[in-house]
Amino acid sequence: MYLWIGFFSFVALFLVLDLAVFNRKHHRISFREAGLWSSFWVVLGLAFTFLVFAAYGRGWVENPNALSPSQASLKYVTAYLVELSLSMDNIFVMAVIFSSFGIQPEYQHKVLFWGILGAIVFRFLAILFGVALIKQFDWIIYVFGAFILFTGIKLFFARDERKLSLEKNPIFRLVKRFFVVTSHQSPQFFIKRMDVLMATPTFLALVIIEFTDLLFAVDSIPAVLAITTDTFLVFTSNIMAIMGLRSMYFFLGNMATAFRYFKYSLACILVFVGVKLCLSHYVHMPEWLSLGFILIALALGIILSKWSNKNKPL
């Protein structure tokens, strides 16, 4: 219980510092600043492994699966890397959303801040629900496995979409039914004109990003549950990955075309995780094998993208 309280306090502290100190004033996040913060969050996410090792070694957290410290650490790192890699695709979608609404760079951080705050709440509830489902209905893992496998195959053959049709977007149409929408760019979510409360493009972008994250969570959470059903490991790996999502967006958001083969890495990871989940009752795959496959898939996606960019201009 104390470890949970400490983790939530840690997350709350960084969110307050982020909004009230580091980004108190609206400003354009530079590439260098985004790179430093991205490195900080990745290092912190990986360093959290040492706390996991200590927690499971000294009994600081409930351990229903009787995981050893080394097992828990490997599962955390694997789950963290899966969530981090799947978040990359989310970054490129965010870039499309901001571009479609014409959100100015200095306002984007505020949208991402509240978007990630909402994601923390939604994912916590989704993880509790997913773990409860697996514990209550053991056969549900085959449903999760088949869904992840289908998603991976679909992603492998999917075409890149760099445009967002707002008029066809159901969330956009739903918001317009309840709010008067203005095209005026503002850092505020709502503005008042002639005694009429109007939703700004900033608010619309936030709503669509929240729903987009829910859709991504439908893929990523079952993928992490395929690695472990330990609630603490699933939740902390998810949150440590998405906490650095804002800085990674500003670092990678405009570099989508530089990683043209990265989606194939994600597709391979999803297919691997789906197969692993479907065979979990019959074949035991050691954690080092899962971790090694994920690292190799990510490395190949980056290397092939770099090689392709060097030899074939976009």
C-alpha atoms as a PDB file:
ATOM      1  CA  MET A   1       0.000   0.000   0.000  1.00  0.00           C
ATOM      2  CA  TYR A   2       2.779   2.431   0.907  1.00  0.00           C
ATOM      3  CA  LEU A   3       4.535   1.756  -2.383  1.00  0.00           C
ATOM      4  CA  TRP A   4       1.327   2.574  -4.283  1.00  0.00           C
ATOM      5  CA  ILE A   5       0.937   5.801  -2.317  1.00  0.00           C
ATOM      6  CA  GLY A   6       4.575   6.676  -2.996  1.00  0.00           C
ATOM      7  CA  PHE A   7       4.198   6.029  -6.724  1.00  0.00           C
ATOM      8  CA  PHE A   8       1.040   8.134  -7.029  1.00  0.00           C
ATOM      9  CA  SER A   9       2.729  10.891  -5.021  1.00  0.00           C
ATOM     10  CA  PHE A  10       5.722  10.769  -7.365  1.00  0.00           C
ATOM     11  CA  VAL A  11       3.477  11.083 -10.439  1.00  0.00           C
ATOM     12  CA  ALA A  12       1.468  13.918  -8.853  1.00  0.00           C
ATOM     13  CA  LEU A  13       4.657  15.783  -7.888  1.00  0.00           C
ATOM     14  CA  PHE A  14       6.053  15.706 -11.427  1.00  0.00           C
ATOM     15  CA  LEU A  15       2.727  16.744 -12.930  1.00  0.00           C
ATOM     16  CA  VAL A  16       2.543  19.754 -10.593  1.00  0.00           C
ATOM     17  CA  LEU A  17       6.176  20.697 -11.286  1.00  0.00           C
ATOM     18  CA  ASP A  18       5.586  20.321 -15.013  1.00  0.00           C
ATOM     19  CA  LEU A  19       2.535  22.601 -15.115  1.00  0.00           C
ATOM     20  CA  ALA A  20       3.394  25.096 -12.359  1.00  0.00           C
ATOM     21  CA  VAL A  21       7.179  25.405 -12.693  1.00  0.00           C
ATOM     22  CA  PHE A  22       8.802  24.110 -15.880  1.00  0.00           C
ATOM     23  CA  ASN A  23       5.986  25.066 -18.247  1.00  0.00           C
ATOM     24  CA  ARG A  24       4.185  27.796 -16.334  1.00  0.00           C
ATOM     25  CA  LYS A  25       4.279  30.033 -19.397  1.00  0.00           C
ATOM     26  CA  HIS A  26       3.200  28.944 -22.868  1.00  0.00           C
ATOM     27  CA  HIS A  27       6.262  28.504 -25.042  1.00  0.00           C
ATOM     28  CA  ARG A  28       7.496  26.525 -28.007  1.00  0.00           C
ATOM     29  CA  ILE A  29       9.326  23.393 -26.821  1.00  0.00           C
ATOM     30  CA  SER A  30      12.720  23.322 -28.519  1.00  0.00           C
ATOM     31  CA  PHE A  31      14.174  20.154 -30.023  1.00  0.00           C
ATOM     32  CA  ARG A  32      17.020  20.255 -27.478  1.00  0.00           C
ATOM     33  CA  GLU A  33      14.659  20.695 -24.501  1.00  0.00           C
ATOM     34  CA  ALA A  34      12.448  17.852 -25.738  1.00  0.00           C
ATOM     35  CA  GLY A  35      15.495  15.634 -26.235  1.00  0.00           C
ATOM     36  CA  LEU A  36      16.745  16.252 -22.694  1.00  0.00           C
ATOM     37  CA  TRP A  37      13.334  15.542 -21.143  1.00  0.00           C
ATOM     38  CA  SER A  38      12.863  12.439 -23.312  1.00  0.00           C
ATOM     39  CA  SER A  39      16.241  11.099 -22.168  1.00  0.00           C
ATOM     40  CA  PHE A  40      15.355  11.889 -18.559  1.00  0.00           C
ATOM     41  CA  TRP A  41      12.095   9.931 -18.699  1.00  0.00           C
ATOM     42  CA  VAL A  42      13.609   6.929 -20.469  1.00  0.00           C
ATOM     43  CA  VAL A  43      16.471   6.754 -17.956  1.00  0.00           C
ATOM     44  CA  LEU A  44      14.006   7.165 -15.081  1.00  0.00           C
ATOM     45  CA  GLY A  45      11.703   4.499 -16.525  1.00  0.00           C
ATOM     46  CA  LEU A  46      14.557   2.011 -16.802  1.00  0.00           C
ATOM     47  CA  ALA A  47      15.995   2.980 -13.404  1.00  0.00           C
ATOM     48  CA  PHE A  48      12.608   2.165 -11.865  1.00  0.00           C
ATOM     49  CA  THR A  49      13.629  -1.467 -12.429  1.00  0.00           C
ATOM     50  CA  PHE A  50      15.905  -1.245  -9.376  1.00  0.00           C
ATOM     51  CA  LEU A  51      12.962  -0.173  -7.212  1.00  0.00           C
ATOM     52  CA  VAL A  52      10.921  -3.083  -8.585  1.00  0.00           C
ATOM     53  CA  PHE A  53      13.757  -5.481  -7.712  1.00  0.00           C
ATOM     54  CA  ALA A  54      13.938  -4.115  -4.159  1.00  0.00           C
ATOM     55  CA  ALA A  55      10.160  -4.049  -3.712  1.00  0.00           C
ATOM     56  CA  TYR A  56       9.677  -7.687  -4.687  1.00  0.00           C
ATOM     57  CA  GLY A  57      12.757  -8.773  -2.777  1.00  0.00           C
ATOM     58  CA  ARG A  58      11.667  -7.161   0.478  1.00  0.00           C
ATOM     59  CA  GLY A  59       7.925  -7.697   0.227  1.00  0.00           C
ATOM     60  CA  TRP A  60       6.968  -4.028  -0.133  1.00  0.00           C
ATOM     61  CA  VAL A  61       4.210  -4.860  -2.605  1.00  0.00           C
ATOM     62  CA  GLU A  62       1.575  -7.579  -2.866  1.00  0.00           C
ATOM     63  CA  ASN A  63       2.974 -10.466  -4.886  1.00  0.00           C
ATOM     64  CA  PRO A  64       0.092 -12.843  -5.759  1.00  0.00           C
ATOM     65  CA  ASN A  65       2.083 -14.589  -8.501  1.00  0.00           C
ATOM     66  CA  ALA A  66       5.054 -15.215  -6.185  1.00  0.00           C
ATOM     67  CA  LEU A  67       7.482 -13.519  -8.552  1.00  0.00           C
ATOM     68  CA  SER A  68      11.147 -13.440  -7.631  1.00  0.00           C
ATOM     69  CA  PRO A  69      12.873 -10.017  -7.731  1.00  0.00           C
ATOM     70  CA  SER A  70      14.634 -10.898 -11.003  1.00  0.00           C
ATOM     71  CA  GLN A  71      11.404 -12.182 -12.600  1.00  0.00           C
ATOM     72  CA  ALA A  72       9.511  -9.048 -11.580  1.00  0.00           C
ATOM     73  CA  SER A  73      12.305  -6.819 -12.890  1.00  0.00           C
ATOM     74  CA  LEU A  74      12.412  -8.570 -16.280  1.00  0.00           C
ATOM     75  CA  LYS A  75       8.627  -8.412 -16.598  1.00  0.00           C
ATOM     76  CA  TYR A  76       8.630  -4.710 -15.762  1.00  0.00           C
ATOM     77  CA  VAL A  77      11.342  -3.859 -18.325  1.00  0.00           C
ATOM     78  CA  THR A  78       9.618  -5.934 -21.011  1.00  0.00           C
ATOM     79  CA  ALA A  79       6.216  -4.359 -20.297  1.00  0.00           C
ATOM     80  CA  TYR A  80       7.772  -0.871 -20.210  1.00  0.00           C
ATOM     81  CA  LEU A  81       9.455  -1.339 -23.589  1.00  0.00           C
ATOM     82  CA  VAL A  82       6.247  -2.725 -25.133  1.00  0.00           C
ATOM     83  CA  GLU A  83       4.227   0.249 -23.889  1.00  0.00           C
ATOM     84  CA  LEU A  84       6.950   2.725 -24.886  1.00  0.00           C
ATOM     85  CA  SER A  85       7.237   1.320 -28.402  1.00  0.00           C
ATOM     86  CA  LEU A  86       3.460   1.243 -28.934  1.00  0.00           C
ATOM     87  CA  SER A  87       3.290   4.847 -27.716  1.00  0.00           C
ATOM     88  CA  MET A  88       5.459   5.896 -30.667  1.00  0.00           C
ATOM     89  CA  ASP A  89       2.564   5.287 -33.045  1.00  0.00           C
ATOM     90  CA  ASN A  90       0.393   7.419 -30.769  1.00  0.00           C
ATOM     91  CA  ILE A  91       2.899  10.265 -31.132  1.00  0.00           C
ATOM     92  CA  PHE A  92       2.521  10.362 -34.902  1.00  0.00           C
ATOM     93  CA  VAL A  93      -1.286  10.415 -34.586  1.00  0.00           C
ATOM     94  CA  MET A  94      -1.014  13.362 -32.173  1.00  0.00           C
ATOM     95  CA  ALA A  95       1.039  15.219 -34.760  1.00  0.00           C
ATOM     96  CA  VAL A  96      -1.730  14.680 -37.323  1.00  0.00           C
ATOM     97  CA  ILE A  97      -4.406  15.891 -34.858  1.00  0.00           C
ATOM     98  CA  PHE A  98      -2.510  19.074 -33.998  1.00  0.00           C
ATOM     99  CA  SER A  99      -1.852  19.744 -37.660  1.00  0.00           C
ATOM    100  CA  SER A 100      -5.516  19.219 -38.565  1.00  0.00           C
ATOM    101  CA  PHE A 101      -6.727  21.687 -35.931  1.00  0.00           C
ATOM    102  CA  GLY A 102      -3.890  24.132 -36.556  1.00  0.00           C
ATOM    103  CA  ILE A 103      -2.872  24.134 -32.880  1.00  0.00           C
ATOM    104  CA  GLN A 104       0.083  26.451 -32.388  1.00  0.00           C
ATOM    105  CA  PRO A 105       3.242  24.779 -30.985  1.00  0.00           C
ATOM    106  CA  GLU A 106       3.210  26.903 -27.818  1.00  0.00           C
ATOM    107  CA  TYR A 107      -0.281  25.602 -26.939  1.00  0.00           C
ATOM    108  CA  GLN A 108       0.392  21.938 -27.633  1.00  0.00           C
ATOM    109  CA  HIS A 109       2.074  21.181 -24.324  1.00  0.00           C
ATOM    110  CA  LYS A 110      -1.059  22.154 -22.369  1.00  0.00           C
ATOM    111  CA  VAL A 111      -3.192  19.812 -24.463  1.00  0.00           C
ATOM    112  CA  LEU A 112      -0.740  16.945 -23.956  1.00  0.00           C
ATOM    113  CA  PHE A 113      -0.514  17.622 -20.210  1.00  0.00           C
ATOM    114  CA  TRP A 114      -4.267  17.274 -19.654  1.00  0.00           C
ATOM    115  CA  GLY A 115      -4.416  14.472 -22.183  1.00  0.00           C
ATOM    116  CA  ILE A 116      -1.881  12.404 -20.281  1.00  0.00           C
ATOM    117  CA  LEU A 117      -3.519  13.207 -16.953  1.00  0.00           C
ATOM    118  CA  GLY A 118      -6.751  11.771 -18.346  1.00  0.00           C
ATOM    119  CA  ALA A 119      -4.858   8.791 -19.754  1.00  0.00           C
ATOM    120  CA  ILE A 120      -3.482   7.948 -16.297  1.00  0.00           C
ATOM    121  CA  VAL A 121      -7.004   7.764 -14.851  1.00  0.00           C
ATOM    122  CA  PHE A 122      -8.491   5.814 -17.765  1.00  0.00           C
ATOM    123  CA  ARG A 123      -5.613   3.344 -17.926  1.00  0.00           C
ATOM    124  CA  PHE A 124      -5.717   2.674 -14.189  1.00  0.00           C
ATOM    125  CA  LEU A 125      -9.391   1.718 -14.497  1.00  0.00           C
ATOM    126  CA  ALA A 126      -8.780  -0.296 -17.672  1.00  0.00           C
ATOM    127  CA  ILE A 127      -5.899  -2.224 -16.066  1.00  0.00           C
ATOM    128  CA  LEU A 128      -7.972  -3.090 -12.992  1.00  0.00           C
ATOM    129  CA  PHE A 129     -10.780  -4.236 -15.274  1.00  0.00           C
ATOM    130  CA  GLY A 130      -8.449  -6.264 -17.499  1.00  0.00           C
ATOM    131  CA  VAL A 131      -6.704  -8.013 -14.595  1.00  0.00           C
ATOM    132  CA  ALA A 132     -10.075  -8.796 -12.983  1.00  0.00           C
ATOM    133  CA  LEU A 133     -11.335 -10.266 -16.268  1.00  0.00           C
ATOM    134  CA  ILE A 134      -8.321 -12.570 -16.626  1.00  0.00           C
ATOM    135  CA  LYS A 135      -8.589 -13.739 -13.016  1.00  0.00           C
ATOM    136  CA  GLN A 136     -12.337 -14.321 -13.289  1.00  0.00           C
ATOM    137  CA  PHE A 137     -12.426 -15.810 -16.802  1.00  0.00           C
ATOM    138  CA  ASP A 138      -9.249 -17.652 -17.674  1.00  0.00           C
ATOM    139  CA  TRP A 139     -10.354 -18.161 -21.303  1.00  0.00           C
ATOM    140  CA  ILE A 140     -10.381 -14.390 -21.893  1.00  0.00           C
ATOM    141  CA  ILE A 141      -6.630 -14.529 -22.538  1.00  0.00           C
ATOM    142  CA  TYR A 142      -7.386 -16.244 -25.871  1.00  0.00           C
ATOM    143  CA  VAL A 143      -9.686 -13.353 -26.800  1.00  0.00           C
ATOM    144  CA  PHE A 144      -6.950 -10.842 -25.894  1.00  0.00           C
ATOM    145  CA  GLY A 145      -4.353 -12.889 -27.768  1.00  0.00           C
ATOM    146  CA  ALA A 146      -6.463 -13.162 -30.919  1.00  0.00           C
ATOM    147  CA  PHE A 147      -7.268  -9.447 -30.827  1.00  0.00           C
ATOM    148  CA  ILE A 148      -3.593  -8.463 -30.432  1.00  0.00           C
ATOM    149  CA  LEU A 149      -2.600 -10.873 -33.214  1.00  0.00           C
ATOM    150  CA  PHE A 150      -5.255  -9.405 -35.534  1.00  0.00           C
ATOM    151  CA  THR A 151      -4.138  -5.854 -34.670  1.00  0.00           C
ATOM    152  CA  GLY A 152      -0.507  -6.692 -35.452  1.00  0.00           C
ATOM    153  CA  ILE A 153      -1.357  -8.245 -38.830  1.00  0.00           C
ATOM    154  CA  LYS A 154      -3.640  -5.305 -39.665  1.00  0.00           C
ATOM    155  CA  LEU A 155      -0.895  -2.823 -38.759  1.00  0.00           C
ATOM    156  CA  PHE A 156       1.616  -4.656 -40.932  1.00  0.00           C
ATOM    157  CA  PHE A 157      -0.529  -4.142 -44.040  1.00  0.00           C
ATOM    158  CA  ALA A 158      -1.992  -0.750 -43.095  1.00  0.00           C
ATOM    159  CA  ARG A 159      -1.226   2.287 -45.209  1.00  0.00           C
ATOM    160  CA  ASP A 160       0.177   5.397 -43.555  1.00  0.00           C
ATOM    161  CA  GLU A 161      -2.503   8.027 -42.953  1.00  0.00           C
ATOM    162  CA  ARG A 162      -1.240  11.574 -42.470  1.00  0.00           C
ATOM    163  CA  LYS A 163      -4.603  13.356 -42.772  1.00  0.00           C
ATOM    164  CA  LEU A 164      -7.548  13.559 -40.410  1.00  0.00           C
ATOM    165  CA  SER A 165     -11.026  14.058 -41.837  1.00  0.00           C
ATOM    166  CA  LEU A 166     -12.715  16.139 -39.147  1.00  0.00           C
ATOM    167  CA  GLU A 167     -16.143  16.135 -40.742  1.00  0.00           C
ATOM    168  CA  LYS A 168     -16.180  12.326 -40.713  1.00  0.00           C
ATOM    169  CA  ASN A 169     -14.809  12.030 -37.174  1.00  0.00           C
ATOM    170  CA  PRO A 170     -17.648  10.944 -34.822  1.00  0.00           C
ATOM    171  CA  ILE A 171     -16.039  12.596 -31.775  1.00  0.00           C
ATOM    172  CA  PHE A 172     -15.751  15.901 -33.605  1.00  0.00           C
ATOM    173  CA  ARG A 173     -19.423  15.723 -34.632  1.00  0.00           C
ATOM    174  CA  LEU A 174     -20.464  14.793 -31.086  1.00  0.00           C
ATOM    175  CA  VAL A 175     -18.658  17.777 -29.538  1.00  0.00           C
ATOM    176  CA  LYS A 176     -20.275  20.120 -32.085  1.00  0.00           C
ATOM    177  CA  ARG A 177     -23.700  18.890 -30.987  1.00  0.00           C
ATOM    178  CA  PHE A 178     -23.118  20.048 -27.404  1.00  0.00           C
ATOM    179  CA  PHE A 179     -20.890  23.103 -27.844  1.00  0.00           C
ATOM    180  CA  VAL A 180     -20.652  26.101 -30.089  1.00  0.00           C
ATOM    181  CA  VAL A 181     -17.236  25.742 -31.729  1.00  0.00           C
ATOM    182  CA  THR A 182     -15.034  28.665 -32.718  1.00  0.00           C
ATOM    183  CA  SER A 183     -12.074  28.596 -35.074  1.00  0.00           C
ATOM    184  CA  HIS A 184     -10.259  31.174 -32.943  1.00  0.00           C
ATOM    185  CA  GLN A 185      -6.925  29.812 -31.704  1.00  0.00           C
ATOM    186  CA  SER A 186      -6.492  30.131 -27.934  1.00  0.00           C
ATOM    187  CA  PRO A 187      -4.586  28.408 -25.130  1.00  0.00           C
ATOM    188  CA  GLN A 188      -7.925  28.195 -23.272  1.00  0.00           C
ATOM    189  CA  PHE A 189     -10.307  25.310 -23.808  1.00  0.00           C
ATOM    190  CA  PHE A 190     -13.317  27.631 -23.760  1.00  0.00           C
ATOM    191  CA  ILE A 191     -13.768  31.313 -24.490  1.00  0.00           C
ATOM    192  CA  LYS A 192     -16.790  33.571 -24.060  1.00  0.00           C
ATOM    193  CA  ARG A 193     -17.932  35.842 -26.863  1.00  0.00           C
ATOM    194  CA  MET A 194     -21.156  37.885 -26.779  1.00  0.00           C
ATOM    195  CA  ASP A 195     -22.226  35.900 -23.690  1.00  0.00           C
ATOM    196  CA  VAL A 196     -21.846  32.614 -25.598  1.00  0.00           C
ATOM    197  CA  LEU A 197     -19.477  29.963 -24.278  1.00  0.00           C
ATOM    198  CA  MET A 198     -17.511  28.513 -27.182  1.00  0.00           C
ATOM    199  CA  ALA A 199     -15.209  25.506 -27.427  1.00  0.00           C
ATOM    200  CA  THR A 200     -11.842  26.266 -29.000  1.00  0.00           C
ATOM    201  CA  PRO A 201      -9.785  24.075 -31.356  1.00  0.00           C
ATOM    202  CA  THR A 202      -7.553  23.400 -28.322  1.00  0.00           C
ATOM    203  CA  PHE A 203     -10.475  21.703 -26.541  1.00  0.00           C
ATOM    204  CA  LEU A 204     -11.429  19.712 -29.640  1.00  0.00           C
ATOM    205  CA  ALA A 205      -7.853  18.490 -30.011  1.00  0.00           C
ATOM    206  CA  LEU A 206      -7.814  17.445 -26.331  1.00  0.00           C
ATOM    207  CA  VAL A 207     -11.050  15.454 -26.639  1.00  0.00           C
ATOM    208  CA  ILE A 208      -9.928  13.616 -29.774  1.00  0.00           C
ATOM    209  CA  ILE A 209      -6.498  12.880 -28.258  1.00  0.00           C
ATOM    210  CA  GLU A 210      -8.187  11.418 -25.146  1.00  0.00           C
ATOM    211  CA  PHE A 211     -10.382   9.134 -27.240  1.00  0.00           C
ATOM    212  CA  THR A 212      -7.429   8.227 -29.439  1.00  0.00           C
ATOM    213  CA  ASP A 213      -5.477   7.186 -26.350  1.00  0.00           C
ATOM    214  CA  LEU A 214      -8.390   4.983 -25.291  1.00  0.00           C
ATOM    215  CA  LEU A 215      -8.225   3.252 -28.663  1.00  0.00           C
ATOM    216  CA  PHE A 216      -4.465   2.747 -28.302  1.00  0.00           C
ATOM    217  CA  ALA A 217      -4.978   1.445 -24.758  1.00  0.00           C
ATOM    218  CA  VAL A 218      -7.238  -1.267 -26.173  1.00  0.00           C
ATOM    219  CA  ASP A 219      -4.114  -2.588 -27.940  1.00  0.00           C
ATOM    220  CA  SER A 220      -1.383  -1.770 -25.461  1.00  0.00           C
ATOM    221  CA  ILE A 221      -2.966  -2.900 -22.189  1.00  0.00           C
ATOM    222  CA  PRO A 222      -3.773  -6.452 -23.392  1.00  0.00           C
ATOM    223  CA  ALA A 223      -0.251  -6.567 -24.844  1.00  0.00           C
ATOM    224  CA  VAL A 224       1.212  -5.767 -21.425  1.00  0.00           C
ATOM    225  CA  LEU A 225      -1.209  -8.185 -19.722  1.00  0.00           C
ATOM    226  CA  ALA A 226       0.261 -10.862 -21.987  1.00  0.00           C
ATOM    227  CA  ILE A 227       3.572 -10.262 -20.225  1.00  0.00           C
ATOM    228  CA  THR A 228       2.268 -10.078 -16.656  1.00  0.00           C
ATOM    229  CA  THR A 229      -1.041  -9.818 -14.804  1.00  0.00           C
ATOM    230  CA  ASP A 230       0.626  -8.290 -11.761  1.00  0.00           C
ATOM    231  CA  THR A 231      -1.334  -5.047 -11.287  1.00  0.00           C
ATOM    232  CA  PHE A 232       1.610  -3.063  -9.909  1.00  0.00           C
ATOM    233  CA  LEU A 233       3.917  -4.018 -12.775  1.00  0.00           C
ATOM    234  CA  VAL A 234       1.278  -3.406 -15.457  1.00  0.00           C
ATOM    235  CA  PHE A 235       0.283  -0.004 -14.076  1.00  0.00           C
ATOM    236  CA  THR A 236       3.758   1.335 -13.308  1.00  0.00           C
ATOM    237  CA  SER A 237       5.180   0.241 -16.684  1.00  0.00           C
ATOM    238  CA  ASN A 238       2.247   1.941 -18.457  1.00  0.00           C
ATOM    239  CA  ILE A 239       2.499   5.179 -16.503  1.00  0.00           C
ATOM    240  CA  MET A 240       6.296   5.446 -16.662  1.00  0.00           C
ATOM    241  CA  ALA A 241       6.049   5.076 -20.442  1.00  0.00           C
ATOM    242  CA  ILE A 242       3.272   7.623 -21.022  1.00  0.00           C
ATOM    243  CA  MET A 243       4.731  10.172 -18.569  1.00  0.00           C
ATOM    244  CA  GLY A 244       7.483  10.801 -21.087  1.00  0.00           C
ATOM    245  CA  LEU A 245       5.082  10.890 -24.014  1.00  0.00           C
ATOM    246  CA  ARG A 246       4.827  14.696 -24.100  1.00  0.00           C
ATOM    247  CA  SER A 247       8.552  15.320 -24.443  1.00  0.00           C
ATOM    248  CA  MET A 248       8.855  12.471 -26.941  1.00  0.00           C
ATOM    249  CA  TYR A 249       6.114  14.049 -29.027  1.00  0.00           C
ATOM    250  CA  PHE A 250       8.105  17.278 -29.348  1.00  0.00           C
ATOM    251  CA  PHE A 251      11.253  15.248 -30.011  1.00  0.00           C
ATOM    252  CA  LEU A 252       9.783  12.825 -32.572  1.00  0.00           C
ATOM    253  CA  GLY A 253       6.435  14.346 -33.615  1.00  0.00           C
ATOM    254  CA  ASN A 254       7.794  15.959 -36.755  1.00  0.00           C
ATOM    255  CA  MET A 255      10.029  13.023 -37.623  1.00  0.00           C
ATOM    256  CA  ALA A 256       7.340  10.492 -38.559  1.00  0.00           C
ATOM    257  CA  THR A 257       8.759   9.989 -42.035  1.00  0.00           C
ATOM    258  CA  ALA A 258      12.222   9.386 -40.581  1.00  0.00           C
ATOM    259  CA  PHE A 259      10.979   6.093 -39.093  1.00  0.00           C
ATOM    260  CA  ARG A 260       9.140   4.660 -42.076  1.00  0.00           C
ATOM    261  CA  TYR A 261       9.815   1.048 -41.024  1.00  0.00           C
ATOM    262  CA  PHE A 262       9.046   1.517 -37.317  1.00  0.00           C
ATOM    263  CA  LYS A 263       5.414   0.460 -37.758  1.00  0.00           C
ATOM    264  CA  TYR A 264       6.650  -2.935 -38.956  1.00  0.00           C
ATOM    265  CA  SER A 265       8.581  -3.298 -35.702  1.00  0.00           C
ATOM    266  CA  LEU A 266       5.390  -2.543 -33.780  1.00  0.00           C
ATOM    267  CA  ALA A 267       3.444  -5.019 -35.925  1.00  0.00           C
ATOM    268  CA  CYS A 268       6.016  -7.768 -35.252  1.00  0.00           C
ATOM    269  CA  ILE A 269       5.913  -7.050 -31.505  1.00  0.00           C
ATOM    270  CA  LEU A 270       2.112  -7.239 -31.449  1.00  0.00           C
ATOM    271  CA  VAL A 271       2.099 -10.493 -33.438  1.00  0.00           C
ATOM    272  CA  PHE A 272       4.729 -11.984 -31.110  1.00  0.00           C
ATOM    273  CA  VAL A 273       2.797 -10.929 -27.991  1.00  0.00           C
ATOM    274  CA  GLY A 274      -0.486 -12.219 -29.454  1.00  0.00           C
ATOM    275  CA  VAL A 275       1.030 -15.622 -30.238  1.00  0.00           C
ATOM    276  CA  LYS A 276       2.642 -15.754 -26.791  1.00  0.00           C
ATOM    277  CA  LEU A 277      -0.699 -15.029 -25.118  1.00  0.00           C
ATOM    278  CA  CYS A 278      -2.579 -17.630 -27.175  1.00  0.00           C
ATOM    279  CA  LEU A 279       0.043 -20.291 -26.334  1.00  0.00           C
ATOM    280  CA  SER A 280       0.525 -19.259 -22.697  1.00  0.00           C
ATOM    281  CA  HIS A 281      -1.253 -22.379 -21.366  1.00  0.00           C
ATOM    282  CA  TYR A 282       0.872 -24.715 -23.490  1.00  0.00           C
ATOM    283  CA  VAL A 283       4.270 -23.093 -24.050  1.00  0.00           C
ATOM    284  CA  HIS A 284       6.257 -21.111 -21.496  1.00  0.00           C
ATOM    285  CA  MET A 285       8.437 -18.421 -23.046  1.00  0.00           C
ATOM    286  CA  PRO A 286      11.128 -17.079 -20.716  1.00  0.00           C
ATOM    287  CA  GLU A 287      11.141 -13.344 -20.078  1.00  0.00           C
ATOM    288  CA  TRP A 288      14.609 -12.915 -21.581  1.00  0.00           C
ATOM    289  CA  LEU A 289      13.274 -14.283 -24.883  1.00  0.00           C
ATOM    290  CA  SER A 290      10.393 -11.763 -24.937  1.00  0.00           C
ATOM    291  CA  LEU A 291      12.694  -8.908 -23.984  1.00  0.00           C
ATOM    292  CA  GLY A 292      15.289  -9.926 -26.562  1.00  0.00           C
ATOM    293  CA  PHE A 293      12.711 -10.169 -29.365  1.00  0.00           C
ATOM    294  CA  ILE A 294      11.310  -6.709 -28.558  1.00  0.00           C
ATOM    295  CA  LEU A 295      14.762  -5.113 -28.471  1.00  0.00           C
ATOM    296  CA  ILE A 296      15.774  -6.744 -31.783  1.00  0.00           C
ATOM    297  CA  ALA A 297      12.488  -5.719 -33.463  1.00  0.00           C
ATOM    298  CA  LEU A 298      12.871  -2.105 -32.347  1.00  0.00           C
ATOM    299  CA  ALA A 299      16.545  -1.979 -33.338  1.00  0.00           C
ATOM    300  CA  LEU A 300      15.835  -3.410 -36.803  1.00  0.00           C
ATOM    301  CA  GLY A 301      13.027  -0.900 -37.381  1.00  0.00           C
ATOM    302  CA  ILE A 302      15.308   2.019 -36.522  1.00  0.00           C
ATOM    303  CA  ILE A 303      18.318   0.695 -38.455  1.00  0.00           C
ATOM    304  CA  LEU A 304      16.283  -0.066 -41.595  1.00  0.00           C
ATOM    305  CA  SER A 305      14.633   3.363 -41.425  1.00  0.00           C
ATOM    306  CA  LYS A 306      17.988   5.108 -41.110  1.00  0.00           C
ATOM    307  CA  TRP A 307      19.477   3.033 -43.939  1.00  0.00           C
ATOM    308  CA  SER A 308      16.475   3.710 -46.169  1.00  0.00           C
ATOM    309  CA  ASN A 309      16.594   7.470 -45.512  1.00  0.00           C
ATOM    310  CA  LYS A 310      20.299   7.536 -46.304  1.00  0.00           C
ATOM    311  CA  ASN A 311      19.996   5.656 -49.595  1.00  0.00           C
ATOM    312  CA  LYS A 312      16.563   6.760 -50.796  1.00  0.00           C
ATOM    313  CA  PRO A 313      15.493  10.370 -50.257  1.00  0.00           C
ATOM    314  CA  LEU A 314      11.870  10.941 -49.337  1.00  0.00           C
END
